[in-house]
Amino acid sequence: MNVGLAVRERILQLCQERHITINKLSTICGITQSTLNNIMNYGSSNPTISTIKKVCDGLELTLSSFFDSPLFENLDQEIK
């Protein structure tokens, strides 16, 4: 799994836990729907840390708690 896919899966997981839609998440986080759609639809393989931080702020999470997931263990090597 690569970083972009792990971020996508983590966002989906957090939305499911909070019973919110991706559209609601974009409103809460102040992220444009198109930016979030790019992440969720594999358009963005490398979401910026600033975007991830906005998601964390909207969900009242720290960055460390966002990345504290088995999804981020054993990621594919980025340098080929």
Protein backbone atom coordinates (compact mmCIF):
# COMPACT_ATOMS: atom_id res chain seq x y z
CA MET A 1 0.00 0.00 0.00
CA ASN A 2 1.28 3.49 -0.79
CA VAL A 3 0.91 6.63 1.33
CA GLY A 4 -1.92 8.10 -0.75
CA LEU A 5 -4.02 4.96 -0.44
CA ALA A 6 -3.31 4.73 3.30
CA VAL A 7 -4.44 8.35 3.77
CA ARG A 8 -7.58 7.66 1.75
CA GLU A 9 -8.40 4.58 3.82
CA ARG A 10 -7.73 6.41 7.09
CA ILE A 11 -10.06 9.27 6.11
CA LEU A 12 -12.78 6.77 5.20
CA GLN A 13 -12.27 5.01 8.52
CA LEU A 14 -12.54 8.25 10.49
CA CYS A 15 -15.68 9.32 8.60
CA GLN A 16 -17.31 5.96 9.28
CA GLU A 17 -16.44 6.19 12.99
CA ARG A 18 -18.03 9.64 13.17
CA HIS A 19 -20.95 8.82 10.88
CA ILE A 20 -20.19 11.66 8.49
CA THR A 21 -19.95 11.81 4.72
CA ILE A 22 -16.97 12.98 2.71
CA ASN A 23 -19.04 16.03 1.73
CA LYS A 24 -19.65 16.86 5.40
CA LEU A 25 -15.95 16.37 6.11
CA SER A 26 -15.02 18.93 3.45
CA THR A 27 -17.36 21.44 5.09
CA ILE A 28 -16.04 20.74 8.59
CA CYS A 29 -12.41 20.97 7.50
CA GLY A 30 -12.66 23.89 5.12
CA ILE A 31 -11.25 21.80 2.30
CA THR A 32 -12.76 22.17 -1.13
CA GLN A 33 -14.86 19.25 -2.27
CA SER A 34 -12.61 18.84 -5.33
CA THR A 35 -9.47 18.52 -3.19
CA LEU A 36 -11.06 15.88 -1.01
CA ASN A 37 -12.50 14.11 -4.05
CA ASN A 38 -9.00 13.97 -5.57
CA ILE A 39 -7.74 12.20 -2.47
CA MET A 40 -10.72 9.88 -2.23
CA ASN A 41 -10.81 8.99 -5.93
CA TYR A 42 -7.09 8.24 -6.26
CA GLY A 43 -6.49 11.52 -8.14
CA SER A 44 -3.95 12.60 -5.57
CA SER A 45 -1.38 9.98 -4.75
CA ASN A 46 0.49 12.38 -2.47
CA PRO A 47 -1.88 14.55 -0.43
CA THR A 48 -0.04 17.39 1.27
CA ILE A 49 0.57 17.42 4.98
CA SER A 50 -1.32 20.75 5.08
CA THR A 51 -4.42 19.06 3.71
CA ILE A 52 -4.08 16.18 6.17
CA LYS A 53 -3.64 18.74 8.99
CA LYS A 54 -6.89 20.45 7.95
CA VAL A 55 -8.66 17.09 8.12
CA CYS A 56 -7.17 16.56 11.59
CA ASP A 57 -8.20 20.02 12.73
CA GLY A 58 -11.75 19.50 11.51
CA LEU A 59 -11.98 16.14 13.25
CA GLU A 60 -10.21 17.44 16.35
CA LEU A 61 -7.33 14.99 15.97
CA THR A 62 -3.61 15.43 16.22
CA LEU A 63 -1.44 14.48 13.29
CA SER A 64 0.12 11.76 15.41
CA SER A 65 -3.28 10.22 16.14
CA PHE A 66 -4.17 10.37 12.43
CA PHE A 67 -1.04 8.41 11.54
CA ASP A 68 -1.33 6.09 14.54
CA SER A 69 -2.97 3.36 12.52
CA PRO A 70 -1.87 -0.02 11.19
CA LEU A 71 -2.58 1.41 7.72
CA PHE A 72 0.71 3.29 7.89
CA GLU A 73 2.80 0.29 8.83
CA ASN A 74 4.71 -1.50 6.08
CA LEU A 75 3.99 1.05 3.34
CA ASP A 76 5.50 0.47 -0.08
CA GLN A 77 8.92 1.91 -0.73
CA GLU A 78 8.48 5.32 -2.42
CA ILE A 79 11.98 5.45 -3.91
CA LYS A 80 12.30 2.95 -6.73
